[in-house]
Amino acid sequence: MSKKNDKISMPQTGAGLVRYFDEESVGPKLSPEHVIVITVILAIFCFVLRFSG
C-alpha cells in the first residue's frame, strides 16, 4: 500500500467564512468607559427633560 492512499482528505473547517476580527472598521472607536459615561449623561438628560416641564 502506498502512503498516498492511507491519508483521508477532509475539507477545511473555516472554508468560506469571513473572519470579522481581522477586518478593520473605519467608524469611531469608543472604549467601554466612554459608552458608560455617554449612557449616564443621556439618562440624566432624559431625567431632566421629564421633570422640567
C-alpha atoms as a PDB file:
ATOM      1  CA  MET A   1       0.000   0.000   0.000  1.00  0.00           C
ATOM      2  CA  SER A   2       1.160   3.460  -0.709  1.00  0.00           C
ATOM      3  CA  LYS A   3       1.144   6.302   1.797  1.00  0.00           C
ATOM      4  CA  LYS A   4      -0.967   8.412  -0.553  1.00  0.00           C
ATOM      5  CA  ASN A   5      -3.984   6.093  -0.292  1.00  0.00           C
ATOM      6  CA  ASP A   6      -3.834   5.924   3.531  1.00  0.00           C
ATOM      7  CA  LYS A   7      -4.437   9.649   4.026  1.00  0.00           C
ATOM      8  CA  ILE A   8      -8.050  10.853   4.291  1.00  0.00           C
ATOM      9  CA  SER A   9      -8.713  14.288   2.860  1.00  0.00           C
ATOM     10  CA  MET A  10     -11.070  16.456   4.947  1.00  0.00           C
ATOM     11  CA  PRO A  11     -12.453  19.869   3.971  1.00  0.00           C
ATOM     12  CA  GLN A  12     -11.131  22.949   5.728  1.00  0.00           C
ATOM     13  CA  THR A  13     -13.129  23.921   8.805  1.00  0.00           C
ATOM     14  CA  GLY A  14     -13.128  27.639   8.010  1.00  0.00           C
ATOM     15  CA  ALA A  15     -13.712  27.425   4.279  1.00  0.00           C
ATOM     16  CA  GLY A  16     -15.795  30.337   3.047  1.00  0.00           C
ATOM     17  CA  LEU A  17     -16.154  32.006   6.440  1.00  0.00           C
ATOM     18  CA  VAL A  18     -15.240  35.648   6.951  1.00  0.00           C
ATOM     19  CA  ARG A  19     -13.060  36.380   9.947  1.00  0.00           C
ATOM     20  CA  TYR A  20     -14.584  39.627  11.189  1.00  0.00           C
ATOM     21  CA  PHE A  21     -11.978  40.243  13.876  1.00  0.00           C
ATOM     22  CA  ASP A  22      -9.390  40.655  11.123  1.00  0.00           C
ATOM     23  CA  GLU A  23     -11.410  43.410   9.460  1.00  0.00           C
ATOM     24  CA  GLU A  24     -10.551  46.985  10.426  1.00  0.00           C
ATOM     25  CA  SER A  25     -13.572  49.238  10.779  1.00  0.00           C
ATOM     26  CA  VAL A  26     -13.464  52.908   9.840  1.00  0.00           C
ATOM     27  CA  GLY A  27     -16.053  54.104  12.371  1.00  0.00           C
ATOM     28  CA  PRO A  28     -15.398  55.847  15.672  1.00  0.00           C
ATOM     29  CA  LYS A  29     -13.727  53.732  18.324  1.00  0.00           C
ATOM     30  CA  LEU A  30     -15.161  54.052  21.839  1.00  0.00           C
ATOM     31  CA  SER A  31     -13.833  52.457  24.977  1.00  0.00           C
ATOM     32  CA  PRO A  32     -16.289  50.811  27.404  1.00  0.00           C
ATOM     33  CA  GLU A  33     -15.746  53.722  29.805  1.00  0.00           C
ATOM     34  CA  HIS A  34     -16.845  56.216  27.151  1.00  0.00           C
ATOM     35  CA  VAL A  35     -20.008  54.208  26.475  1.00  0.00           C
ATOM     36  CA  ILE A  36     -20.882  54.193  30.195  1.00  0.00           C
ATOM     37  CA  VAL A  37     -20.272  57.948  30.525  1.00  0.00           C
ATOM     38  CA  ILE A  38     -22.396  58.707  27.455  1.00  0.00           C
ATOM     39  CA  THR A  39     -25.180  56.464  28.788  1.00  0.00           C
ATOM     40  CA  VAL A  40     -25.166  58.184  32.198  1.00  0.00           C
ATOM     41  CA  ILE A  41     -25.208  61.642  30.591  1.00  0.00           C
ATOM     42  CA  LEU A  42     -28.098  60.621  28.325  1.00  0.00           C
ATOM     43  CA  ALA A  43     -30.032  59.197  31.296  1.00  0.00           C
ATOM     44  CA  ILE A  44     -29.537  62.412  33.306  1.00  0.00           C
ATOM     45  CA  PHE A  45     -30.593  64.486  30.295  1.00  0.00           C
ATOM     46  CA  CYS A  46     -33.780  62.412  29.873  1.00  0.00           C
ATOM     47  CA  PHE A  47     -34.493  62.687  33.618  1.00  0.00           C
ATOM     48  CA  VAL A  48     -34.123  66.491  33.484  1.00  0.00           C
ATOM     49  CA  LEU A  49     -36.365  66.746  30.415  1.00  0.00           C
ATOM     50  CA  ARG A  50     -39.048  64.602  32.052  1.00  0.00           C
ATOM     51  CA  PHE A  51     -39.321  66.744  35.177  1.00  0.00           C
ATOM     52  CA  SER A  52     -38.574  70.180  33.713  1.00  0.00           C
ATOM     53  CA  GLY A  53     -41.829  70.849  32.049  1.00  0.00           C
END
